[in-house]
């Protein structure tokens, strides 16, 4: 019984690691699209093309993201904002956004 529980916990942990790895690939694709948007002006179209491709849909699914139209539109909106993922996910950016929302209210 103990071996079964240990094996299940190990498999669950491995699954979480794989999901995080695929999520990192999604973040890298977003950064690449943002760079393309700054350089060529076609970033949102690039991320939409990638997300709708077979490989993109597979990566999104493995990252635990349902690759539907709403998600693709959200990815396009994120790229069009032009904020890199490392900045958008930072604590300083989160605090800045919260402060801006508090001032607006």
Protein backbone atom coordinates (compact mmCIF):
# COMPACT_ATOMS: atom_id res chain seq x y z
CA UNK A 1 0.00 0.00 0.00
CA UNK A 2 2.78 2.43 0.87
CA UNK A 3 4.46 1.84 -2.49
CA UNK A 4 1.22 2.66 -4.30
CA UNK A 5 0.85 5.94 -2.40
CA UNK A 6 4.49 6.87 -3.01
CA UNK A 7 4.15 6.04 -6.70
CA UNK A 8 0.98 8.10 -7.04
CA UNK A 9 2.55 11.08 -5.27
CA UNK A 10 5.62 10.80 -7.51
CA UNK A 11 3.49 10.66 -10.65
CA UNK A 12 1.45 13.65 -9.51
CA UNK A 13 4.62 15.62 -8.84
CA UNK A 14 6.03 14.69 -12.24
CA UNK A 15 2.79 15.85 -13.86
CA UNK A 16 3.02 19.20 -12.11
CA UNK A 17 6.62 19.62 -13.25
CA UNK A 18 5.66 18.86 -16.84
CA UNK A 19 2.77 21.34 -16.69
CA UNK A 20 5.13 24.04 -15.41
CA UNK A 21 7.58 23.28 -18.20
CA UNK A 22 4.89 23.70 -20.84
CA UNK A 23 3.69 26.89 -19.13
CA UNK A 24 7.24 28.23 -19.49
CA UNK A 25 7.07 27.45 -23.22
CA UNK A 26 3.83 29.47 -23.46
CA UNK A 27 5.51 32.40 -21.69
CA UNK A 28 8.46 32.19 -24.08
CA UNK A 29 6.08 32.21 -27.06
CA UNK A 30 4.41 35.33 -25.63
CA UNK A 31 7.79 37.04 -25.22
CA UNK A 32 8.72 36.13 -28.80
CA UNK A 33 5.44 37.55 -30.08
CA UNK A 34 5.99 40.76 -28.09
CA UNK A 35 9.46 41.09 -29.61
CA UNK A 36 7.98 40.53 -33.08
CA UNK A 37 5.34 43.15 -32.36
CA UNK A 38 7.98 45.72 -31.42
CA UNK A 39 10.16 44.84 -34.40
CA UNK A 40 7.67 44.08 -37.19
CA UNK A 41 4.28 45.10 -35.78
CA UNK A 42 2.68 41.67 -36.20
CA UNK A 43 2.91 40.20 -32.70
CA UNK A 44 -0.79 39.54 -32.03
CA UNK A 45 -1.16 37.81 -35.39
CA UNK A 46 1.94 35.69 -34.68
CA UNK A 47 0.67 34.48 -31.29
CA UNK A 48 -2.76 33.77 -32.77
CA UNK A 49 -1.20 31.76 -35.59
CA UNK A 50 0.93 29.83 -33.09
CA UNK A 51 -1.95 29.22 -30.66
CA UNK A 52 -4.19 27.95 -33.45
CA UNK A 53 -1.50 25.69 -34.90
CA UNK A 54 -1.39 22.03 -33.98
CA UNK A 55 1.83 22.47 -31.97
CA UNK A 56 0.52 25.53 -30.17
CA UNK A 57 -2.73 23.83 -29.23
CA UNK A 58 -0.78 20.83 -27.94
CA UNK A 59 1.54 23.02 -25.83
CA UNK A 60 -1.40 24.99 -24.41
CA UNK A 61 -3.21 21.78 -23.55
CA UNK A 62 -0.14 20.31 -21.85
CA UNK A 63 0.24 23.56 -19.87
CA UNK A 64 -3.30 23.08 -18.58
CA UNK A 65 -4.80 25.84 -20.76
CA UNK A 66 -7.86 25.13 -22.89
CA UNK A 67 -6.93 26.35 -26.39
CA UNK A 68 -10.24 28.01 -27.29
CA UNK A 69 -11.00 31.30 -29.07
CA UNK A 70 -11.33 33.23 -25.83
CA UNK A 71 -7.83 32.18 -24.78
CA UNK A 72 -6.39 33.12 -28.17
CA UNK A 73 -8.01 36.57 -27.94
CA UNK A 74 -6.57 36.98 -24.46
CA UNK A 75 -3.10 36.04 -25.67
CA UNK A 76 -3.44 38.54 -28.52
CA UNK A 77 -4.53 41.27 -26.10
CA UNK A 78 -1.58 40.51 -23.82
CA UNK A 79 0.86 40.75 -26.72
CA UNK A 80 -0.68 43.99 -27.96
CA UNK A 81 -0.10 45.58 -24.53
CA UNK A 82 3.63 45.04 -25.10
CA UNK A 83 4.56 44.22 -21.50
CA UNK A 84 7.01 41.34 -21.31
CA UNK A 85 5.94 38.37 -19.23
CA UNK A 86 8.74 38.75 -16.68
CA UNK A 87 7.62 42.33 -16.00
CA UNK A 88 3.90 41.51 -16.03
CA UNK A 89 4.38 38.73 -13.50
CA UNK A 90 6.60 40.78 -11.17
CA UNK A 91 5.45 42.06 -7.81
CA UNK A 92 6.27 45.69 -8.69
CA UNK A 93 4.02 45.61 -11.75
CA UNK A 94 1.21 44.06 -9.73
CA UNK A 95 1.53 46.73 -7.06
CA UNK A 96 1.61 49.48 -9.71
CA UNK A 97 -1.58 48.15 -11.33
CA UNK A 98 -3.34 47.88 -7.97
CA UNK A 99 -2.34 51.45 -7.10
CA UNK A 100 -3.60 52.70 -10.47
CA UNK A 101 -6.94 50.93 -9.94
CA UNK A 102 -7.24 52.38 -6.43
CA UNK A 103 -6.63 55.90 -7.76
CA UNK A 104 -9.22 55.41 -10.51
CA UNK A 105 -11.88 54.30 -8.02
